[in-house]
Protein backbone atom coordinates (compact mmCIF):
# COMPACT_ATOMS: atom_id res chain seq x y z
CA MET A 1 0.00 0.00 0.00
CA PHE A 2 1.31 3.45 -0.81
CA SER A 3 0.06 6.99 -0.49
CA ILE A 4 0.35 9.97 -2.75
CA ASN A 5 0.90 13.38 -1.24
CA ARG A 6 -0.78 16.10 -3.20
CA ASP A 7 -2.01 19.58 -2.52
CA THR A 8 -5.78 19.39 -2.03
CA SER A 9 -6.25 23.02 -1.04
CA THR A 10 -7.75 23.90 -4.44
CA MET A 11 -9.52 20.64 -5.22
CA GLY A 12 -13.23 21.02 -5.85
CA LYS A 13 -13.17 24.82 -5.79
CA ASN A 14 -14.98 26.88 -8.36
CA ASP A 15 -15.76 30.53 -8.98
CA GLN A 16 -18.88 30.42 -6.77
CA ASP A 17 -16.74 29.62 -3.72
CA ASP A 18 -15.04 33.03 -4.00
CA ASN A 19 -18.20 34.71 -2.66
CA LYS A 20 -18.45 32.54 0.46
CA PRO A 21 -16.70 33.25 3.75
CA GLU A 22 -13.40 31.43 3.99
CA HIS A 23 -14.21 29.48 7.14
CA GLU A 24 -17.52 29.14 8.90
CA SER A 25 -17.34 27.23 12.17
CA LYS A 26 -19.03 23.88 12.38
CA ILE A 27 -21.95 23.51 14.76
CA VAL A 28 -21.62 21.06 17.63
CA ILE A 29 -24.75 19.57 19.20
CA ARG A 30 -23.76 18.08 22.54
CA GLY A 31 -25.43 14.99 23.98
CA GLU A 32 -26.42 16.82 27.13
CA THR A 33 -29.38 19.00 27.94
CA GLU A 34 -29.13 22.62 29.00
CA ALA A 35 -29.89 21.31 32.52
CA GLY A 36 -26.71 19.19 32.34
CA GLU A 37 -28.42 15.80 31.98
CA LYS A 38 -27.08 13.12 29.63
CA PHE A 39 -29.25 12.73 26.53
CA ARG A 40 -30.67 9.29 25.77
CA PRO A 41 -30.68 6.99 23.84
CA SER A 42 -26.92 6.56 23.96
CA ASP A 43 -26.63 6.04 20.18
CA TRP A 44 -28.53 9.23 19.26
CA ALA A 45 -25.47 10.79 17.53
CA GLU A 46 -24.90 7.78 15.30
CA ARG A 47 -28.62 7.58 14.44
CA MET A 48 -28.76 11.24 13.49
CA SER A 49 -25.52 11.10 11.49
CA GLY A 50 -26.83 8.02 9.69
CA ASN A 51 -29.09 10.32 7.66
CA LEU A 52 -26.15 11.11 5.36
CA SER A 53 -24.02 8.02 5.85
CA THR A 54 -23.21 5.35 3.30
CA PHE A 55 -22.53 1.68 3.82
CA ARG A 56 -19.92 -0.19 1.80
CA ASN A 57 -17.46 -2.98 2.43
CA HIS A 58 -19.24 -3.78 5.70
CA ARG A 59 -18.49 -0.30 7.11
CA ILE A 60 -20.43 2.88 7.76
CA TYR A 61 -18.95 6.03 6.25
CA TYR A 62 -20.26 9.26 7.73
CA SER A 63 -20.57 12.37 5.62
CA PRO A 64 -18.21 15.23 6.48
CA LEU A 65 -21.34 17.39 6.66
CA LEU A 66 -22.87 15.41 9.54
CA GLN A 67 -20.69 13.31 11.84
CA PRO A 68 -20.90 11.76 15.28
CA SER A 69 -18.07 12.82 17.58
CA VAL A 70 -17.03 12.82 21.22
CA LYS A 71 -16.03 16.05 22.95
CA GLY A 72 -14.93 15.97 26.56
CA GLY A 73 -16.41 12.50 27.02
CA THR A 74 -19.83 13.58 25.71
CA LYS A 75 -21.33 12.23 22.49
CA CYS A 76 -21.97 15.00 19.99
CA VAL A 77 -22.99 15.61 16.41
CA THR A 78 -20.82 17.90 14.31
CA LEU A 79 -22.85 19.74 11.70
CA ASP A 80 -21.18 21.55 8.81
CA PRO A 81 -22.99 24.79 7.85
CA ALA A 82 -22.58 23.75 4.19
CA LEU A 83 -25.43 21.29 4.80
CA LYS A 84 -27.77 24.28 4.91
CA GLU A 85 -27.03 24.84 1.21
CA SER A 86 -27.08 21.23 0.04
CA ASN A 87 -29.98 19.94 2.16
CA PRO A 88 -31.80 22.78 3.97
CA THR A 89 -34.65 20.53 5.15
CA LEU A 90 -32.32 18.08 6.90
CA TYR A 91 -30.21 20.94 8.31
CA GLN A 92 -33.28 22.58 9.84
CA SER A 93 -34.72 19.30 11.16
CA ILE A 94 -31.45 18.57 12.99
CA LEU A 95 -31.43 22.02 14.61
CA ASP A 96 -35.14 21.69 15.47
CA PHE A 97 -34.48 18.30 17.07
CA ALA A 98 -31.71 19.78 19.20
CA LYS A 99 -33.83 22.76 20.26
CA ASN A 100 -36.91 20.63 21.02
CA ASN A 101 -34.81 18.36 23.24
CA ASN A 102 -33.02 21.29 24.93
CA LEU A 103 -29.61 20.04 23.77
CA VAL A 104 -26.56 22.29 24.08
CA ILE A 105 -25.66 23.84 20.72
CA CYS A 106 -22.34 25.63 20.22
CA LYS A 107 -19.72 26.40 17.58
CA GLU A 108 -16.77 24.04 17.15
CA ASP A 109 -14.41 26.97 17.82
CA ASP A 110 -16.05 27.45 21.25
CA GLU A 111 -15.10 23.94 22.35
């Protein structure tokens, strides 16, 4: 097995990207309520991230737009703001779910 090092900083860019901000922080939805209680079920982050996942070669591959993660020992979902452009309905339903369940929502940079 070998790897190829190549500059990917310009891959996939087009003229439309020039009008967008360079870096918008990802949104982190923490698996704890605003009251500090652990959110259940314990696999909620994987279930939510499964909306954009694919399955091949007996493995789940999560989309970079919606991924389960662990921050400070707490299960979280990391939501890329680009999802708002590609799938606004899913983006809004995820935020609505978090708000309806009083989950802590913050920016990745705030972590």
